Amino acid sequence: MDNRDAVSAFLRSRRDRITPEQAGLPTYGQRRVPGLRRGEIAALAGVSVEYYTRLERGSLGGVSEGVLDALAHALRLDDTERMYLYDLARAAGPASGARGRQRAGRPTVRPSVARIIEAMPELPAYVMNNRLDTLAANPIGRALYSEMYADPACGGNVARFAFLSPAARRFYTDWERMARFAVGALRVEAGRKPYDRELTNLIGELSTRSDTFRVLWASHDVHVFRDSTKRLNHPLVGDLELDQETMSLPDESGLSVVVYSPPPGTPAEDCLKLLATWSATTGQEQGAHSTVVSPRGEEHG
């Protein structure tokens, strides 16, 4: 098993999206390719056509940083795409195979990190890994994602919830945007850890069960979750517009703390206060029940 197919598809997809006009190249006659030709990318990167052709066939092992930088510039890669290209090159190196074929360890949430998210009773907070598994959540966090935790098929995984749960398309007001970012985040992780067995199984499951995921995965777009605005339609408290901050832990675990907060004075602030009061009053473990009872006494299965 290697990452040649991923390398080849990524480089082709980035080449196909660049027009000669964007690259500052003259155009003559009818072009038979949607973007730039291999020879044009090779010239922009300062390498031979033969060498670039070998790269686009998936052979990134041993490529120097200088060539990767030139290639990233020629392909007009953004910071996330550049990082992904470097990850692909590292994974193609001779030392990566033996390490990568090992089953990825399951990092544990340190007690101090768990205490931090528990100490934010009015802000939904989670500890998440790069496969989009939520490994820990405070009570209001579980209440916010009650439908995901109520569905045992999701396994606490945001990507499974987004693509496999019918409730997700209503919950995420910007479902299409969320779906693209989830796929892009998994694509980044696949570039970093191509031999992660659990990640491979997750991608295979989503590709098999979701046509939309399969199409988006084939686009080879990459994204990194950082700060953003989340627009949600919660079954208990209605519409919410929340700011999301994602803070990577300063260790080798690959875990991040994700916190949602409402801008002061907005309806979302009142909605979260209601949700926090309800979750604290009921003491309900959201993942243990399939029925969610709202603050108004209504049941949502």
C-alpha atoms as a PDB file:
ATOM      1  CA  MET A   1       0.000   0.000   0.000  1.00  0.00           C
ATOM      2  CA  ASP A   2       1.311   3.504  -0.854  1.00  0.00           C
ATOM      3  CA  ASN A   3      -0.029   6.985  -1.508  1.00  0.00           C
ATOM      4  CA  ARG A   4       0.784   7.219  -5.217  1.00  0.00           C
ATOM      5  CA  ASP A   5      -2.859   7.403  -6.253  1.00  0.00           C
ATOM      6  CA  ALA A   6      -3.539  10.228  -3.803  1.00  0.00           C
ATOM      7  CA  VAL A   7      -0.461  12.151  -4.968  1.00  0.00           C
ATOM      8  CA  SER A   8      -1.352  11.723  -8.625  1.00  0.00           C
ATOM      9  CA  ALA A   9      -4.990  12.715  -8.206  1.00  0.00           C
ATOM     10  CA  PHE A  10      -4.132  15.742  -6.067  1.00  0.00           C
ATOM     11  CA  LEU A  11      -1.542  17.140  -8.485  1.00  0.00           C
ATOM     12  CA  ARG A  12      -3.819  16.599 -11.481  1.00  0.00           C
ATOM     13  CA  SER A  13      -6.777  18.224  -9.739  1.00  0.00           C
ATOM     14  CA  ARG A  14      -4.725  21.295  -8.827  1.00  0.00           C
ATOM     15  CA  ARG A  15      -3.277  21.556 -12.359  1.00  0.00           C
ATOM     16  CA  ASP A  16      -6.720  21.254 -13.941  1.00  0.00           C
ATOM     17  CA  ARG A  17      -8.117  24.227 -12.037  1.00  0.00           C
ATOM     18  CA  ILE A  18      -5.490  26.763 -13.218  1.00  0.00           C
ATOM     19  CA  THR A  19      -6.182  28.644 -16.439  1.00  0.00           C
ATOM     20  CA  PRO A  20      -3.380  29.963 -18.676  1.00  0.00           C
ATOM     21  CA  GLU A  21      -4.632  33.469 -17.938  1.00  0.00           C
ATOM     22  CA  GLN A  22      -4.201  32.917 -14.195  1.00  0.00           C
ATOM     23  CA  ALA A  23      -0.671  31.646 -14.769  1.00  0.00           C
ATOM     24  CA  GLY A  24       0.185  34.538 -17.093  1.00  0.00           C
ATOM     25  CA  LEU A  25       0.700  32.245 -20.064  1.00  0.00           C
ATOM     26  CA  PRO A  26      -0.327  32.953 -23.666  1.00  0.00           C
ATOM     27  CA  THR A  27      -2.994  30.774 -25.260  1.00  0.00           C
ATOM     28  CA  TYR A  28      -2.933  29.554 -28.837  1.00  0.00           C
ATOM     29  CA  GLY A  29      -5.742  27.667 -30.536  1.00  0.00           C
ATOM     30  CA  GLN A  30      -8.028  25.073 -28.979  1.00  0.00           C
ATOM     31  CA  ARG A  31      -6.884  23.491 -25.723  1.00  0.00           C
ATOM     32  CA  ARG A  32      -7.782  19.877 -24.984  1.00  0.00           C
ATOM     33  CA  VAL A  33      -7.192  20.031 -21.227  1.00  0.00           C
ATOM     34  CA  PRO A  34      -9.297  21.960 -18.664  1.00  0.00           C
ATOM     35  CA  GLY A  35      -6.303  23.636 -17.032  1.00  0.00           C
ATOM     36  CA  LEU A  36      -2.580  23.804 -17.669  1.00  0.00           C
ATOM     37  CA  ARG A  37      -0.563  21.199 -19.519  1.00  0.00           C
ATOM     38  CA  ARG A  38       2.109  19.197 -17.737  1.00  0.00           C
ATOM     39  CA  GLY A  39       4.795  21.014 -19.682  1.00  0.00           C
ATOM     40  CA  GLU A  40       3.439  24.379 -18.564  1.00  0.00           C
ATOM     41  CA  ILE A  41       3.476  23.396 -14.894  1.00  0.00           C
ATOM     42  CA  ALA A  42       6.981  21.972 -15.327  1.00  0.00           C
ATOM     43  CA  ALA A  43       8.187  25.256 -16.832  1.00  0.00           C
ATOM     44  CA  LEU A  44       6.586  27.286 -14.045  1.00  0.00           C
ATOM     45  CA  ALA A  45       8.202  25.030 -11.420  1.00  0.00           C
ATOM     46  CA  GLY A  46      11.595  25.054 -13.138  1.00  0.00           C
ATOM     47  CA  VAL A  47      11.812  21.289 -13.677  1.00  0.00           C
ATOM     48  CA  SER A  48      11.843  19.105 -16.768  1.00  0.00           C
ATOM     49  CA  VAL A  49       8.640  17.752 -18.245  1.00  0.00           C
ATOM     50  CA  GLU A  50       9.904  14.220 -17.654  1.00  0.00           C
ATOM     51  CA  TYR A  51      10.564  14.949 -13.981  1.00  0.00           C
ATOM     52  CA  TYR A  52       7.189  16.577 -13.414  1.00  0.00           C
ATOM     53  CA  THR A  53       5.468  13.701 -15.210  1.00  0.00           C
ATOM     54  CA  ARG A  54       7.118  11.305 -12.762  1.00  0.00           C
ATOM     55  CA  LEU A  55       5.890  13.415  -9.854  1.00  0.00           C
ATOM     56  CA  GLU A  56       2.345  13.508 -11.188  1.00  0.00           C
ATOM     57  CA  ARG A  57       2.401   9.756 -11.512  1.00  0.00           C
ATOM     58  CA  GLY A  58       2.756   9.651  -7.735  1.00  0.00           C
ATOM     59  CA  SER A  59       6.495   9.495  -7.111  1.00  0.00           C
ATOM     60  CA  LEU A  60       7.068  12.106  -4.401  1.00  0.00           C
ATOM     61  CA  GLY A  61       9.552  10.078  -2.356  1.00  0.00           C
ATOM     62  CA  GLY A  62      12.862  11.888  -1.921  1.00  0.00           C
ATOM     63  CA  VAL A  63      11.730  15.150  -3.524  1.00  0.00           C
ATOM     64  CA  SER A  64      13.577  18.139  -2.082  1.00  0.00           C
ATOM     65  CA  GLU A  65      11.909  20.995  -0.223  1.00  0.00           C
ATOM     66  CA  GLY A  66      13.011  23.357  -2.970  1.00  0.00           C
ATOM     67  CA  VAL A  67      11.157  21.365  -5.606  1.00  0.00           C
ATOM     68  CA  LEU A  68       8.079  21.066  -3.390  1.00  0.00           C
ATOM     69  CA  ASP A  69       8.087  24.831  -2.842  1.00  0.00           C
ATOM     70  CA  ALA A  70       8.436  25.469  -6.569  1.00  0.00           C
ATOM     71  CA  LEU A  71       5.665  23.002  -7.290  1.00  0.00           C
ATOM     72  CA  ALA A  72       3.379  24.598  -4.693  1.00  0.00           C
ATOM     73  CA  HIS A  73       4.015  28.013  -6.231  1.00  0.00           C
ATOM     74  CA  ALA A  74       3.386  26.792  -9.776  1.00  0.00           C
ATOM     75  CA  LEU A  75       0.146  25.090  -8.727  1.00  0.00           C
ATOM     76  CA  ARG A  76      -0.957  28.169  -6.751  1.00  0.00           C
ATOM     77  CA  LEU A  77      -1.503  26.145  -3.578  1.00  0.00           C
ATOM     78  CA  ASP A  78      -2.846  27.833  -0.461  1.00  0.00           C
ATOM     79  CA  ASP A  79      -1.289  27.196   2.965  1.00  0.00           C
ATOM     80  CA  THR A  80      -3.412  24.134   3.697  1.00  0.00           C
ATOM     81  CA  GLU A  81      -2.773  22.607   0.270  1.00  0.00           C
ATOM     82  CA  ARG A  82       0.954  23.271   0.623  1.00  0.00           C
ATOM     83  CA  MET A  83       0.952  21.519   4.006  1.00  0.00           C
ATOM     84  CA  TYR A  84      -0.929  18.605   2.442  1.00  0.00           C
ATOM     85  CA  LEU A  85       1.640  18.351  -0.380  1.00  0.00           C
ATOM     86  CA  TYR A  86       4.455  18.173   2.179  1.00  0.00           C
ATOM     87  CA  ASP A  87       2.563  15.533   4.145  1.00  0.00           C
ATOM     88  CA  LEU A  88       2.151  13.464   0.999  1.00  0.00           C
ATOM     89  CA  ALA A  89       5.878  13.741   0.320  1.00  0.00           C
ATOM     90  CA  ARG A  90       6.769  12.710   3.871  1.00  0.00           C
ATOM     91  CA  ALA A  91       4.385   9.754   3.712  1.00  0.00           C
ATOM     92  CA  ALA A  92       6.035   8.661   0.440  1.00  0.00           C
ATOM     93  CA  GLY A  93       9.468   8.587   2.091  1.00  0.00           C
ATOM     94  CA  PRO A  94      11.229   5.266   2.721  1.00  0.00           C
ATOM     95  CA  ALA A  95      10.961   5.506   6.508  1.00  0.00           C
ATOM     96  CA  SER A  96       7.229   6.095   6.615  1.00  0.00           C
ATOM     97  CA  GLY A  97       6.053   2.632   5.647  1.00  0.00           C
ATOM     98  CA  ALA A  98       7.084   0.662   8.717  1.00  0.00           C
ATOM     99  CA  ARG A  99       5.886   3.357  11.091  1.00  0.00           C
ATOM    100  CA  GLY A 100       2.714   4.073   9.205  1.00  0.00           C
ATOM    101  CA  ARG A 101       1.489   0.520   8.938  1.00  0.00           C
ATOM    102  CA  GLN A 102       1.111   0.323  12.709  1.00  0.00           C
ATOM    103  CA  ARG A 103      -2.347   0.841  14.100  1.00  0.00           C
ATOM    104  CA  ALA A 104      -2.699   4.436  15.222  1.00  0.00           C
ATOM    105  CA  GLY A 105      -2.850   4.751  18.995  1.00  0.00           C
ATOM    106  CA  ARG A 106      -5.923   6.188  20.671  1.00  0.00           C
ATOM    107  CA  PRO A 107      -4.828   9.325  22.516  1.00  0.00           C
ATOM    108  CA  THR A 108      -6.466   9.854  25.855  1.00  0.00           C
ATOM    109  CA  VAL A 109      -7.898  13.128  27.099  1.00  0.00           C
ATOM    110  CA  ARG A 110      -5.773  14.374  29.967  1.00  0.00           C
ATOM    111  CA  PRO A 111      -7.739  15.037  33.193  1.00  0.00           C
ATOM    112  CA  SER A 112      -6.607  18.670  33.148  1.00  0.00           C
ATOM    113  CA  VAL A 113      -8.081  19.138  29.653  1.00  0.00           C
ATOM    114  CA  ALA A 114     -11.330  17.487  30.763  1.00  0.00           C
ATOM    115  CA  ARG A 115     -11.491  19.887  33.707  1.00  0.00           C
ATOM    116  CA  ILE A 116     -11.039  22.867  31.403  1.00  0.00           C
ATOM    117  CA  ILE A 117     -14.044  22.027  29.243  1.00  0.00           C
ATOM    118  CA  GLU A 118     -16.138  21.110  32.287  1.00  0.00           C
ATOM    119  CA  ALA A 119     -15.358  24.552  33.743  1.00  0.00           C
ATOM    120  CA  MET A 120     -17.221  26.237  30.858  1.00  0.00           C
ATOM    121  CA  PRO A 121     -20.823  25.366  31.798  1.00  0.00           C
ATOM    122  CA  GLU A 122     -22.418  27.872  29.382  1.00  0.00           C
ATOM    123  CA  LEU A 123     -20.184  27.227  26.354  1.00  0.00           C
ATOM    124  CA  PRO A 124     -20.344  23.982  24.341  1.00  0.00           C
ATOM    125  CA  ALA A 125     -16.839  22.503  24.390  1.00  0.00           C
ATOM    126  CA  TYR A 126     -15.338  19.309  22.993  1.00  0.00           C
ATOM    127  CA  VAL A 127     -12.052  17.480  22.664  1.00  0.00           C
ATOM    128  CA  MET A 128     -11.704  16.205  19.104  1.00  0.00           C
ATOM    129  CA  ASN A 129      -9.101  14.250  17.168  1.00  0.00           C
ATOM    130  CA  ASN A 130      -8.203  14.715  13.515  1.00  0.00           C
ATOM    131  CA  ARG A 131     -10.605  11.944  12.459  1.00  0.00           C
ATOM    132  CA  LEU A 132     -13.407  14.185  13.805  1.00  0.00           C
ATOM    133  CA  ASP A 133     -14.152  11.881  16.749  1.00  0.00           C
ATOM    134  CA  THR A 134     -15.439  13.779  19.781  1.00  0.00           C
ATOM    135  CA  LEU A 135     -13.534  12.139  22.626  1.00  0.00           C
ATOM    136  CA  ALA A 136     -14.968  14.313  25.389  1.00  0.00           C
ATOM    137  CA  ALA A 137     -17.659  16.955  25.752  1.00  0.00           C
ATOM    138  CA  ASN A 138     -19.082  19.039  28.562  1.00  0.00           C
ATOM    139  CA  PRO A 139     -22.814  18.735  29.375  1.00  0.00           C
ATOM    140  CA  ILE A 140     -23.939  21.647  27.219  1.00  0.00           C
ATOM    141  CA  GLY A 141     -21.759  20.314  24.394  1.00  0.00           C
ATOM    142  CA  ARG A 142     -23.553  16.993  24.544  1.00  0.00           C
ATOM    143  CA  ALA A 143     -26.864  18.832  24.678  1.00  0.00           C
ATOM    144  CA  LEU A 144     -25.995  20.897  21.594  1.00  0.00           C
ATOM    145  CA  TYR A 145     -25.101  17.761  19.609  1.00  0.00           C
ATOM    146  CA  SER A 146     -27.843  15.703  21.241  1.00  0.00           C
ATOM    147  CA  GLU A 147     -28.950  14.137  17.963  1.00  0.00           C
ATOM    148  CA  MET A 148     -25.443  12.929  17.150  1.00  0.00           C
ATOM    149  CA  TYR A 149     -24.949  11.427  20.615  1.00  0.00           C
ATOM    150  CA  ALA A 150     -28.424   9.869  20.536  1.00  0.00           C
ATOM    151  CA  ASP A 151     -27.555   7.962  17.337  1.00  0.00           C
ATOM    152  CA  PRO A 152     -25.257   5.025  18.193  1.00  0.00           C
ATOM    153  CA  ALA A 153     -24.390   4.613  14.509  1.00  0.00           C
ATOM    154  CA  CYS A 154     -22.533   7.950  14.604  1.00  0.00           C
ATOM    155  CA  GLY A 155     -20.144   6.795  17.314  1.00  0.00           C
ATOM    156  CA  GLY A 156     -19.581  10.404  18.346  1.00  0.00           C
ATOM    157  CA  ASN A 157     -17.986  11.152  14.971  1.00  0.00           C
ATOM    158  CA  VAL A 158     -18.939  14.445  13.341  1.00  0.00           C
ATOM    159  CA  ALA A 159     -18.366  13.179   9.792  1.00  0.00           C
ATOM    160  CA  ARG A 160     -20.595  10.145  10.313  1.00  0.00           C
ATOM    161  CA  PHE A 161     -23.261  12.437  11.726  1.00  0.00           C
ATOM    162  CA  ALA A 162     -22.982  14.884   8.813  1.00  0.00           C
ATOM    163  CA  PHE A 163     -23.233  12.268   6.072  1.00  0.00           C
ATOM    164  CA  LEU A 164     -25.152   9.351   7.553  1.00  0.00           C
ATOM    165  CA  SER A 165     -27.745  10.928   9.856  1.00  0.00           C
ATOM    166  CA  PRO A 166     -30.876  12.448   8.280  1.00  0.00           C
ATOM    167  CA  ALA A 167     -31.027  14.898  11.199  1.00  0.00           C
ATOM    168  CA  ALA A 168     -27.731  16.520  10.178  1.00  0.00           C
ATOM    169  CA  ARG A 169     -29.125  18.258   7.088  1.00  0.00           C
ATOM    170  CA  ARG A 170     -31.573  20.118   9.284  1.00  0.00           C
ATOM    171  CA  PHE A 171     -29.166  20.650  12.179  1.00  0.00           C
ATOM    172  CA  TYR A 172     -26.461  22.265  10.027  1.00  0.00           C
ATOM    173  CA  THR A 173     -28.047  25.289   8.352  1.00  0.00           C
ATOM    174  CA  ASP A 174     -24.998  25.446   6.034  1.00  0.00           C
ATOM    175  CA  TRP A 175     -24.889  21.693   5.537  1.00  0.00           C
ATOM    176  CA  GLU A 176     -23.088  21.834   2.169  1.00  0.00           C
ATOM    177  CA  ARG A 177     -20.317  23.985   3.632  1.00  0.00           C
ATOM    178  CA  MET A 178     -20.008  21.743   6.661  1.00  0.00           C
ATOM    179  CA  ALA A 179     -19.838  18.671   4.437  1.00  0.00           C
ATOM    180  CA  ARG A 180     -17.041  20.146   2.295  1.00  0.00           C
ATOM    181  CA  PHE A 181     -15.019  21.108   5.338  1.00  0.00           C
ATOM    182  CA  ALA A 182     -15.465  17.707   6.984  1.00  0.00           C
ATOM    183  CA  VAL A 183     -14.255  15.927   3.855  1.00  0.00           C
ATOM    184  CA  GLY A 184     -11.381  18.364   3.487  1.00  0.00           C
ATOM    185  CA  ALA A 185     -10.291  17.802   7.089  1.00  0.00           C
ATOM    186  CA  LEU A 186     -10.302  14.029   6.622  1.00  0.00           C
ATOM    187  CA  ARG A 187      -8.338  14.464   3.382  1.00  0.00           C
ATOM    188  CA  VAL A 188      -5.674  16.439   5.286  1.00  0.00           C
ATOM    189  CA  GLU A 189      -5.438  13.686   7.900  1.00  0.00           C
ATOM    190  CA  ALA A 190      -5.231  11.002   5.213  1.00  0.00           C
ATOM    191  CA  GLY A 191      -2.266  12.835   3.711  1.00  0.00           C
ATOM    192  CA  ARG A 192      -0.586  12.982   7.091  1.00  0.00           C
ATOM    193  CA  LYS A 193      -1.379   9.392   8.120  1.00  0.00           C
ATOM    194  CA  PRO A 194      -2.126   7.279   5.041  1.00  0.00           C
ATOM    195  CA  TYR A 195      -1.751   4.031   7.018  1.00  0.00           C
ATOM    196  CA  ASP A 196      -4.095   4.939   9.892  1.00  0.00           C
ATOM    197  CA  ARG A 197      -6.365   1.909   9.871  1.00  0.00           C
ATOM    198  CA  GLU A 198      -9.251   3.566  11.692  1.00  0.00           C
ATOM    199  CA  LEU A 199      -9.147   6.548   9.347  1.00  0.00           C
ATOM    200  CA  THR A 200      -9.066   4.253   6.308  1.00  0.00           C
ATOM    201  CA  ASN A 201     -12.057   2.319   7.668  1.00  0.00           C
ATOM    202  CA  LEU A 202     -13.974   5.555   8.294  1.00  0.00           C
ATOM    203  CA  ILE A 203     -13.332   6.861   4.780  1.00  0.00           C
ATOM    204  CA  GLY A 204     -14.283   3.515   3.291  1.00  0.00           C
ATOM    205  CA  GLU A 205     -17.507   3.404   5.306  1.00  0.00           C
ATOM    206  CA  LEU A 206     -18.519   6.934   4.308  1.00  0.00           C
ATOM    207  CA  SER A 207     -17.629   6.335   0.660  1.00  0.00           C
ATOM    208  CA  THR A 208     -19.758   3.195   0.612  1.00  0.00           C
ATOM    209  CA  ARG A 209     -22.767   4.657   2.394  1.00  0.00           C
ATOM    210  CA  SER A 210     -22.852   8.242   1.092  1.00  0.00           C
ATOM    211  CA  ASP A 211     -22.831   9.222  -2.581  1.00  0.00           C
ATOM    212  CA  THR A 212     -22.252  12.836  -1.575  1.00  0.00           C
ATOM    213  CA  PHE A 213     -19.183  11.966   0.467  1.00  0.00           C
ATOM    214  CA  ARG A 214     -17.786   9.896  -2.394  1.00  0.00           C
ATOM    215  CA  VAL A 215     -18.159  12.791  -4.853  1.00  0.00           C
ATOM    216  CA  LEU A 216     -16.614  15.323  -2.470  1.00  0.00           C
ATOM    217  CA  TRP A 217     -13.757  12.959  -1.613  1.00  0.00           C
ATOM    218  CA  ALA A 218     -12.898  12.651  -5.299  1.00  0.00           C
ATOM    219  CA  SER A 219     -12.403  16.438  -5.548  1.00  0.00           C
ATOM    220  CA  HIS A 220      -9.201  16.194  -3.421  1.00  0.00           C
ATOM    221  CA  ASP A 221      -9.939  19.520  -1.722  1.00  0.00           C
ATOM    222  CA  VAL A 222      -8.337  20.026   1.685  1.00  0.00           C
ATOM    223  CA  HIS A 223      -9.400  22.146   4.660  1.00  0.00           C
ATOM    224  CA  VAL A 224      -8.334  22.771   8.233  1.00  0.00           C
ATOM    225  CA  PHE A 225     -10.840  23.564  10.977  1.00  0.00           C
ATOM    226  CA  ARG A 226      -9.856  26.693  12.842  1.00  0.00           C
ATOM    227  CA  ASP A 227     -12.170  29.618  13.517  1.00  0.00           C
ATOM    228  CA  SER A 228     -15.506  29.880  11.768  1.00  0.00           C
ATOM    229  CA  THR A 229     -19.177  30.659  12.272  1.00  0.00           C
ATOM    230  CA  LYS A 230     -21.541  27.759  12.819  1.00  0.00           C
ATOM    231  CA  ARG A 231     -25.228  28.163  11.942  1.00  0.00           C
ATOM    232  CA  LEU A 232     -27.253  25.452  13.630  1.00  0.00           C
ATOM    233  CA  ASN A 233     -30.934  24.589  13.966  1.00  0.00           C
ATOM    234  CA  HIS A 234     -31.252  22.816  17.293  1.00  0.00           C
ATOM    235  CA  PRO A 235     -34.408  20.743  17.880  1.00  0.00           C
ATOM    236  CA  LEU A 236     -34.848  22.158  21.388  1.00  0.00           C
ATOM    237  CA  VAL A 237     -33.922  25.843  21.226  1.00  0.00           C
ATOM    238  CA  GLY A 238     -34.125  26.692  17.531  1.00  0.00           C
ATOM    239  CA  ASP A 239     -31.685  28.643  15.366  1.00  0.00           C
ATOM    240  CA  LEU A 240     -28.201  29.397  16.663  1.00  0.00           C
ATOM    241  CA  GLU A 241     -25.307  31.337  15.162  1.00  0.00           C
ATOM    242  CA  LEU A 242     -22.128  30.572  17.105  1.00  0.00           C
ATOM    243  CA  ASP A 243     -18.453  31.401  16.727  1.00  0.00           C
ATOM    244  CA  GLN A 244     -16.194  28.343  16.681  1.00  0.00           C
ATOM    245  CA  GLU A 245     -12.620  28.359  17.942  1.00  0.00           C
ATOM    246  CA  THR A 246     -10.369  25.323  17.536  1.00  0.00           C
ATOM    247  CA  MET A 247      -7.211  25.181  19.662  1.00  0.00           C
ATOM    248  CA  SER A 248      -4.672  22.422  19.084  1.00  0.00           C
ATOM    249  CA  LEU A 249      -3.159  20.947  22.238  1.00  0.00           C
ATOM    250  CA  PRO A 250       0.609  21.573  22.525  1.00  0.00           C
ATOM    251  CA  ASP A 251       1.631  17.923  22.476  1.00  0.00           C
ATOM    252  CA  GLU A 252       1.893  15.013  20.052  1.00  0.00           C
ATOM    253  CA  SER A 253      -1.651  13.750  20.626  1.00  0.00           C
ATOM    254  CA  GLY A 254      -3.191  15.498  17.628  1.00  0.00           C
ATOM    255  CA  LEU A 255      -6.137  16.535  19.805  1.00  0.00           C
ATOM    256  CA  SER A 256      -7.880  19.901  19.722  1.00  0.00           C
ATOM    257  CA  VAL A 257     -10.269  21.720  22.024  1.00  0.00           C
ATOM    258  CA  VAL A 258     -13.279  23.087  20.123  1.00  0.00           C
ATOM    259  CA  VAL A 259     -15.408  25.766  21.776  1.00  0.00           C
ATOM    260  CA  TYR A 260     -18.602  27.426  20.516  1.00  0.00           C
ATOM    261  CA  SER A 261     -19.558  30.854  21.814  1.00  0.00           C
ATOM    262  CA  PRO A 262     -22.388  33.286  21.002  1.00  0.00           C
ATOM    263  CA  PRO A 263     -21.693  36.963  20.229  1.00  0.00           C
ATOM    264  CA  PRO A 264     -22.887  39.028  23.233  1.00  0.00           C
ATOM    265  CA  GLY A 265     -26.422  40.306  23.082  1.00  0.00           C
ATOM    266  CA  THR A 266     -27.567  37.927  20.342  1.00  0.00           C
ATOM    267  CA  PRO A 267     -30.507  35.500  20.470  1.00  0.00           C
ATOM    268  CA  ALA A 268     -27.984  32.667  20.427  1.00  0.00           C
ATOM    269  CA  GLU A 269     -26.717  33.794  23.829  1.00  0.00           C
ATOM    270  CA  ASP A 270     -30.171  33.360  25.351  1.00  0.00           C
ATOM    271  CA  CYS A 271     -30.639  30.028  23.578  1.00  0.00           C
ATOM    272  CA  LEU A 272     -27.391  28.660  24.985  1.00  0.00           C
ATOM    273  CA  LYS A 273     -28.307  29.808  28.489  1.00  0.00           C
ATOM    274  CA  LEU A 274     -31.589  27.912  28.168  1.00  0.00           C
ATOM    275  CA  LEU A 275     -29.773  24.848  26.860  1.00  0.00           C
ATOM    276  CA  ALA A 276     -27.205  25.045  29.674  1.00  0.00           C
ATOM    277  CA  THR A 277     -29.938  25.327  32.317  1.00  0.00           C
ATOM    278  CA  TRP A 278     -31.815  22.408  30.837  1.00  0.00           C
ATOM    279  CA  SER A 279     -28.753  20.154  30.583  1.00  0.00           C
ATOM    280  CA  ALA A 280     -27.668  21.000  34.148  1.00  0.00           C
ATOM    281  CA  THR A 281     -31.165  20.508  35.567  1.00  0.00           C
ATOM    282  CA  THR A 282     -31.887  17.188  33.926  1.00  0.00           C
ATOM    283  CA  GLY A 283     -28.379  15.793  34.332  1.00  0.00           C
ATOM    284  CA  GLN A 284     -29.091  13.785  31.204  1.00  0.00           C
ATOM    285  CA  GLU A 285     -26.310  11.803  29.616  1.00  0.00           C
ATOM    286  CA  GLN A 286     -27.043  12.608  25.992  1.00  0.00           C
ATOM    287  CA  GLY A 287     -25.257   9.593  24.567  1.00  0.00           C
ATOM    288  CA  ALA A 288     -27.145   7.089  26.677  1.00  0.00           C
ATOM    289  CA  HIS A 289     -30.677   7.817  25.523  1.00  0.00           C
ATOM    290  CA  SER A 290     -32.392   7.818  22.173  1.00  0.00           C
ATOM    291  CA  THR A 291     -35.075  10.282  23.263  1.00  0.00           C
ATOM    292  CA  VAL A 292     -34.306  13.908  24.025  1.00  0.00           C
ATOM    293  CA  VAL A 293     -36.696  15.879  26.215  1.00  0.00           C
ATOM    294  CA  SER A 294     -36.788  19.608  25.524  1.00  0.00           C
ATOM    295  CA  PRO A 295     -37.044  22.407  28.109  1.00  0.00           C
ATOM    296  CA  ARG A 296     -40.692  22.708  27.090  1.00  0.00           C
ATOM    297  CA  GLY A 297     -41.344  19.076  27.992  1.00  0.00           C
ATOM    298  CA  GLU A 298     -41.571  17.922  24.378  1.00  0.00           C
ATOM    299  CA  GLU A 299     -39.986  14.656  23.314  1.00  0.00           C
ATOM    300  CA  HIS A 300     -37.727  14.381  20.272  1.00  0.00           C
ATOM    301  CA  GLY A 301     -36.816  10.902  19.138  1.00  0.00           C
END
